[in-house]
All heavy atoms as atom14 arrays in JSON, in Angstrom:
{
  "sequence": "LPTRAALEANRATAKLLIQQLADGSLGAK",
  "atom14_mask": [
    [1, 1, 1, 1, 1, 1, 1, 1, 0, 0, 0, 0, 0, 0],
    [1, 1, 1, 1, 1, 1, 1, 0, 0, 0, 0, 0, 0, 0],
    [1, 1, 1, 1, 1, 1, 1, 0, 0, 0, 0, 0, 0, 0],
    [1, 1, 1, 1, 1, 1, 1, 1, 1, 1, 1, 0, 0, 0],
    [1, 1, 1, 1, 1, 0, 0, 0, 0, 0, 0, 0, 0, 0],
    [1, 1, 1, 1, 1, 0, 0, 0, 0, 0, 0, 0, 0, 0],
    [1, 1, 1, 1, 1, 1, 1, 1, 0, 0, 0, 0, 0, 0],
    [1, 1, 1, 1, 1, 1, 1, 1, 1, 0, 0, 0, 0, 0],
    [1, 1, 1, 1, 1, 0, 0, 0, 0, 0, 0, 0, 0, 0],
    [1, 1, 1, 1, 1, 1, 1, 1, 0, 0, 0, 0, 0, 0],
    [1, 1, 1, 1, 1, 1, 1, 1, 1, 1, 1, 0, 0, 0],
    [1, 1, 1, 1, 1, 0, 0, 0, 0, 0, 0, 0, 0, 0],
    [1, 1, 1, 1, 1, 1, 1, 0, 0, 0, 0, 0, 0, 0],
    [1, 1, 1, 1, 1, 0, 0, 0, 0, 0, 0, 0, 0, 0],
    [1, 1, 1, 1, 1, 1, 1, 1, 1, 0, 0, 0, 0, 0],
    [1, 1, 1, 1, 1, 1, 1, 1, 0, 0, 0, 0, 0, 0],
    [1, 1, 1, 1, 1, 1, 1, 1, 0, 0, 0, 0, 0, 0],
    [1, 1, 1, 1, 1, 1, 1, 1, 0, 0, 0, 0, 0, 0],
    [1, 1, 1, 1, 1, 1, 1, 1, 1, 0, 0, 0, 0, 0],
    [1, 1, 1, 1, 1, 1, 1, 1, 1, 0, 0, 0, 0, 0],
    [1, 1, 1, 1, 1, 1, 1, 1, 0, 0, 0, 0, 0, 0],
    [1, 1, 1, 1, 1, 0, 0, 0, 0, 0, 0, 0, 0, 0],
    [1, 1, 1, 1, 1, 1, 1, 1, 0, 0, 0, 0, 0, 0],
    [1, 1, 1, 1, 0, 0, 0, 0, 0, 0, 0, 0, 0, 0],
    [1, 1, 1, 1, 1, 1, 0, 0, 0, 0, 0, 0, 0, 0],
    [1, 1, 1, 1, 1, 1, 1, 1, 0, 0, 0, 0, 0, 0],
    [1, 1, 1, 1, 0, 0, 0, 0, 0, 0, 0, 0, 0, 0],
    [1, 1, 1, 1, 1, 0, 0, 0, 0, 0, 0, 0, 0, 0],
    [1, 1, 1, 1, 1, 1, 1, 1, 1, 0, 0, 0, 0, 0]
  ],
  "atom14_positions": [
    [[17.39, -15.88, -2.19], [16.45, -14.71, -2.16], [16.67, -14.01, -3.53], [17.83, -13.92, -4.07], [16.7, -13.8, -1.07], [16.45, -14.35, 0.35], [16.84, -13.38, 1.42], [14.98, -14.76, 0.52], [0.0, 0.0, 0.0], [0.0, 0.0, 0.0], [0.0, 0.0, 0.0], [0.0, 0.0, 0.0], [0.0, 0.0, 0.0], [0.0, 0.0, 0.0]],
    [[15.62, -13.43, -4.11], [15.76, -12.72, -5.37], [16.75, -11.57, -5.19], [16.81, -10.9, -4.17], [14.36, -12.27, -5.62], [13.44, -13.09, -4.84], [14.23, -13.48, -3.65], [0.0, 0.0, 0.0], [0.0, 0.0, 0.0], [0.0, 0.0, 0.0], [0.0, 0.0, 0.0], [0.0, 0.0, 0.0], [0.0, 0.0, 0.0], [0.0, 0.0, 0.0]],
    [[17.5, -11.27, -6.29], [18.43, -10.08, -6.19], [17.69, -8.91, -6.63], [16.47, -8.91, -7.0], [19.51, -10.41, -7.32], [18.9, -10.53, -8.62], [20.31, -11.67, -6.96], [0.0, 0.0, 0.0], [0.0, 0.0, 0.0], [0.0, 0.0, 0.0], [0.0, 0.0, 0.0], [0.0, 0.0, 0.0], [0.0, 0.0, 0.0], [0.0, 0.0, 0.0]],
    [[18.43, -7.74, -6.51], [17.79, -6.48, -6.9], [17.33, -6.5, -8.4], [16.34, -5.98, -8.74], [18.75, -5.32, -6.63], [18.06, -3.96, -6.89], [19.0, -2.77, -6.82], [18.32, -1.6, -7.21], [18.91, -0.44, -7.36], [20.2, -0.37, -7.15], [18.16, 0.62, -7.75], [0.0, 0.0, 0.0], [0.0, 0.0, 0.0], [0.0, 0.0, 0.0]],
    [[18.14, -7.14, -9.2], [17.82, -7.24, -10.63], [16.43, -7.92, -10.85], [15.67, -7.48, -11.63], [18.94, -7.99, -11.41], [0.0, 0.0, 0.0], [0.0, 0.0, 0.0], [0.0, 0.0, 0.0], [0.0, 0.0, 0.0], [0.0, 0.0, 0.0], [0.0, 0.0, 0.0], [0.0, 0.0, 0.0], [0.0, 0.0, 0.0], [0.0, 0.0, 0.0]],
    [[16.25, -8.98, -10.03], [14.91, -9.73, -10.14], [13.84, -8.81, -9.73], [12.73, -8.73, -10.32], [15.02, -10.94, -9.37], [0.0, 0.0, 0.0], [0.0, 0.0, 0.0], [0.0, 0.0, 0.0], [0.0, 0.0, 0.0], [0.0, 0.0, 0.0], [0.0, 0.0, 0.0], [0.0, 0.0, 0.0], [0.0, 0.0, 0.0], [0.0, 0.0, 0.0]],
    [[14.0, -8.05, -8.62], [12.97, -7.16, -8.12], [12.62, -6.05, -9.1], [11.54, -5.73, -9.36], [13.41, -6.61, -6.76], [13.51, -7.61, -5.59], [14.05, -6.87, -4.37], [12.18, -8.25, -5.29], [0.0, 0.0, 0.0], [0.0, 0.0, 0.0], [0.0, 0.0, 0.0], [0.0, 0.0, 0.0], [0.0, 0.0, 0.0], [0.0, 0.0, 0.0]],
    [[13.68, -5.47, -9.71], [13.53, -4.38, -10.69], [12.81, -4.89, -11.94], [11.92, -4.22, -12.49], [14.86, -3.7, -10.98], [15.51, -2.94, -9.82], [14.54, -1.85, -9.37], [13.88, -1.19, -10.15], [14.55, -1.57, -8.1], [0.0, 0.0, 0.0], [0.0, 0.0, 0.0], [0.0, 0.0, 0.0], [0.0, 0.0, 0.0], [0.0, 0.0, 0.0]],
    [[13.18, -6.11, -12.42], [12.59, -6.71, -13.6], [11.09, -6.95, -13.27], [10.21, -6.77, -14.13], [13.25, -7.92, -14.05], [0.0, 0.0, 0.0], [0.0, 0.0, 0.0], [0.0, 0.0, 0.0], [0.0, 0.0, 0.0], [0.0, 0.0, 0.0], [0.0, 0.0, 0.0], [0.0, 0.0, 0.0], [0.0, 0.0, 0.0], [0.0, 0.0, 0.0]],
    [[10.89, -7.51, -12.09], [9.45, -7.77, -11.76], [8.62, -6.44, -11.55], [7.43, -6.43, -11.88], [9.4, -8.56, -10.34], [9.82, -10.0, -10.58], [9.63, -10.58, -11.64], [10.28, -10.57, -9.52], [0.0, 0.0, 0.0], [0.0, 0.0, 0.0], [0.0, 0.0, 0.0], [0.0, 0.0, 0.0], [0.0, 0.0, 0.0], [0.0, 0.0, 0.0]],
    [[9.29, -5.4, -11.11], [8.61, -4.13, -11.01], [8.22, -3.62, -12.38], [7.11, -3.09, -12.56], [9.52, -3.16, -10.24], [8.84, -1.85, -9.91], [9.85, -0.83, -9.43], [10.54, -1.31, -8.26], [10.14, -1.19, -7.02], [9.05, -0.48, -6.73], [10.85, -1.63, -6.0], [0.0, 0.0, 0.0], [0.0, 0.0, 0.0], [0.0, 0.0, 0.0]],
    [[9.17, -3.74, -13.35], [8.81, -3.29, -14.69], [7.76, -4.2, -15.27], [6.9, -3.66, -16.03], [10.08, -3.41, -15.58], [0.0, 0.0, 0.0], [0.0, 0.0, 0.0], [0.0, 0.0, 0.0], [0.0, 0.0, 0.0], [0.0, 0.0, 0.0], [0.0, 0.0, 0.0], [0.0, 0.0, 0.0], [0.0, 0.0, 0.0], [0.0, 0.0, 0.0]],
    [[7.77, -5.5, -14.99], [6.63, -6.34, -15.44], [5.34, -5.95, -14.9], [4.32, -5.92, -15.63], [7.0, -7.83, -15.04], [8.22, -8.25, -15.66], [5.89, -8.84, -15.64], [0.0, 0.0, 0.0], [0.0, 0.0, 0.0], [0.0, 0.0, 0.0], [0.0, 0.0, 0.0], [0.0, 0.0, 0.0], [0.0, 0.0, 0.0], [0.0, 0.0, 0.0]],
    [[5.32, -5.65, -13.68], [4.09, -5.23, -12.97], [3.46, -4.03, -13.62], [2.31, -3.92, -13.78], [4.31, -4.97, -11.47], [0.0, 0.0, 0.0], [0.0, 0.0, 0.0], [0.0, 0.0, 0.0], [0.0, 0.0, 0.0], [0.0, 0.0, 0.0], [0.0, 0.0, 0.0], [0.0, 0.0, 0.0], [0.0, 0.0, 0.0], [0.0, 0.0, 0.0]],
    [[4.28, -3.08, -14.03], [3.84, -1.86, -14.76], [3.17, -2.24, -16.04], [2.06, -1.7, -16.39], [4.92, -0.88, -14.92], [5.51, -0.26, -13.63], [6.63, 0.73, -13.92], [7.14, 1.3, -12.65], [8.26, 2.25, -12.86], [0.0, 0.0, 0.0], [0.0, 0.0, 0.0], [0.0, 0.0, 0.0], [0.0, 0.0, 0.0], [0.0, 0.0, 0.0]],
    [[3.74, -3.19, -16.82], [3.15, -3.58, -18.05], [1.85, -4.32, -17.81], [0.8, -4.12, -18.47], [4.07, -4.57, -18.77], [5.33, -3.96, -19.38], [6.22, -5.15, -19.93], [5.03, -2.98, -20.38], [0.0, 0.0, 0.0], [0.0, 0.0, 0.0], [0.0, 0.0, 0.0], [0.0, 0.0, 0.0], [0.0, 0.0, 0.0], [0.0, 0.0, 0.0]],
    [[1.78, -5.1, -16.78], [0.57, -5.84, -16.42], [-0.61, -4.93, -15.95], [-1.68, -5.07, -16.48], [0.85, -6.9, -15.34], [1.88, -7.95, -15.66], [2.19, -8.83, -14.41], [1.32, -8.79, -16.81], [0.0, 0.0, 0.0], [0.0, 0.0, 0.0], [0.0, 0.0, 0.0], [0.0, 0.0, 0.0], [0.0, 0.0, 0.0], [0.0, 0.0, 0.0]],
    [[-0.24, -3.96, -15.15], [-1.27, -3.1, -14.66], [-1.8, -2.15, -15.78], [-2.97, -1.89, -15.82], [-0.76, -2.18, -13.53], [-0.5, -3.17, -12.32], [-1.69, -1.13, -13.04], [0.29, -2.57, -11.2], [0.0, 0.0, 0.0], [0.0, 0.0, 0.0], [0.0, 0.0, 0.0], [0.0, 0.0, 0.0], [0.0, 0.0, 0.0], [0.0, 0.0, 0.0]],
    [[-0.91, -1.83, -16.7], [-1.31, -1.05, -17.88], [-2.36, -1.84, -18.67], [-3.39, -1.33, -19.19], [-0.16, -0.74, -18.79], [-0.52, 0.17, -19.95], [0.72, 0.5, -20.81], [1.82, 0.23, -20.46], [0.48, 1.04, -21.95], [0.0, 0.0, 0.0], [0.0, 0.0, 0.0], [0.0, 0.0, 0.0], [0.0, 0.0, 0.0], [0.0, 0.0, 0.0]],
    [[-2.12, -3.21, -18.79], [-3.15, -4.01, -19.54], [-4.42, -4.15, -18.73], [-5.57, -4.19, -19.35], [-2.51, -5.32, -19.81], [-1.5, -5.4, -20.91], [-1.99, -4.89, -22.24], [-3.1, -5.33, -22.69], [-1.29, -3.98, -22.94], [0.0, 0.0, 0.0], [0.0, 0.0, 0.0], [0.0, 0.0, 0.0], [0.0, 0.0, 0.0], [0.0, 0.0, 0.0]],
    [[-4.25, -4.24, -17.41], [-5.49, -4.33, -16.59], [-6.41, -3.07, -16.76], [-7.56, -3.13, -16.74], [-5.12, -4.41, -15.07], [-4.73, -5.79, -14.6], [-4.36, -5.75, -13.1], [-5.84, -6.82, -14.77], [0.0, 0.0, 0.0], [0.0, 0.0, 0.0], [0.0, 0.0, 0.0], [0.0, 0.0, 0.0], [0.0, 0.0, 0.0], [0.0, 0.0, 0.0]],
    [[-5.72, -1.96, -17.0], [-6.48, -0.67, -17.21], [-6.98, -0.56, -18.61], [-8.16, -0.06, -18.73], [-5.6, 0.49, -16.79], [0.0, 0.0, 0.0], [0.0, 0.0, 0.0], [0.0, 0.0, 0.0], [0.0, 0.0, 0.0], [0.0, 0.0, 0.0], [0.0, 0.0, 0.0], [0.0, 0.0, 0.0], [0.0, 0.0, 0.0], [0.0, 0.0, 0.0]],
    [[-6.22, -0.88, -19.62], [-6.59, -0.52, -21.01], [-6.77, -1.68, -21.95], [-7.24, -1.44, -23.09], [-5.47, 0.46, -21.59], [-5.26, 1.73, -20.69], [-6.25, 2.18, -20.1], [-4.12, 2.11, -20.62], [0.0, 0.0, 0.0], [0.0, 0.0, 0.0], [0.0, 0.0, 0.0], [0.0, 0.0, 0.0], [0.0, 0.0, 0.0], [0.0, 0.0, 0.0]],
    [[-6.38, -2.81, -21.52], [-6.33, -4.01, -22.45], [-7.8, -4.6, -22.74], [-8.71, -4.21, -22.06], [0.0, 0.0, 0.0], [0.0, 0.0, 0.0], [0.0, 0.0, 0.0], [0.0, 0.0, 0.0], [0.0, 0.0, 0.0], [0.0, 0.0, 0.0], [0.0, 0.0, 0.0], [0.0, 0.0, 0.0], [0.0, 0.0, 0.0], [0.0, 0.0, 0.0]],
    [[-7.79, -5.54, -23.6], [-9.01, -6.28, -23.91], [-9.24, -7.26, -22.73], [-8.4, -7.41, -21.85], [-8.83, -7.16, -25.19], [-7.81, -8.08, -24.99], [0.0, 0.0, 0.0], [0.0, 0.0, 0.0], [0.0, 0.0, 0.0], [0.0, 0.0, 0.0], [0.0, 0.0, 0.0], [0.0, 0.0, 0.0], [0.0, 0.0, 0.0], [0.0, 0.0, 0.0]],
    [[-10.42, -7.9, -22.67], [-10.68, -8.86, -21.6], [-9.67, -9.97, -21.68], [-9.3, -10.39, -20.55], [-12.12, -9.4, -21.8], [-12.55, -10.45, -20.77], [-12.54, -9.83, -19.37], [-13.94, -10.95, -21.03], [0.0, 0.0, 0.0], [0.0, 0.0, 0.0], [0.0, 0.0, 0.0], [0.0, 0.0, 0.0], [0.0, 0.0, 0.0], [0.0, 0.0, 0.0]],
    [[-9.3, -10.43, -22.79], [-8.31, -11.46, -22.87], [-6.99, -11.01, -22.24], [-6.36, -11.78, -21.47], [0.0, 0.0, 0.0], [0.0, 0.0, 0.0], [0.0, 0.0, 0.0], [0.0, 0.0, 0.0], [0.0, 0.0, 0.0], [0.0, 0.0, 0.0], [0.0, 0.0, 0.0], [0.0, 0.0, 0.0], [0.0, 0.0, 0.0], [0.0, 0.0, 0.0]],
    [[-6.56, -9.73, -22.53], [-5.28, -9.28, -22.05], [-5.4, -9.1, -20.51], [-4.49, -9.35, -19.79], [-4.97, -7.92, -22.7], [0.0, 0.0, 0.0], [0.0, 0.0, 0.0], [0.0, 0.0, 0.0], [0.0, 0.0, 0.0], [0.0, 0.0, 0.0], [0.0, 0.0, 0.0], [0.0, 0.0, 0.0], [0.0, 0.0, 0.0], [0.0, 0.0, 0.0]],
    [[-6.57, -8.62, -20.05], [-6.8, -8.44, -18.62], [-6.71, -9.81, -17.87], [-6.2, -9.89, -16.82], [-8.15, -7.8, -18.39], [-8.18, -6.28, -18.77], [-9.54, -5.7, -18.55], [-9.56, -4.23, -18.98], [-10.98, -3.64, -18.73], [0.0, 0.0, 0.0], [0.0, 0.0, 0.0], [0.0, 0.0, 0.0], [0.0, 0.0, 0.0], [0.0, 0.0, 0.0]]
  ]
}
């Protein structure tokens, strides 16, 4: 099972991804 480190890193990744979904170009989205 993923460790807390994996979950926290994925959480940080999700924030970057959602920021691009909101403000990025179509390619970035």
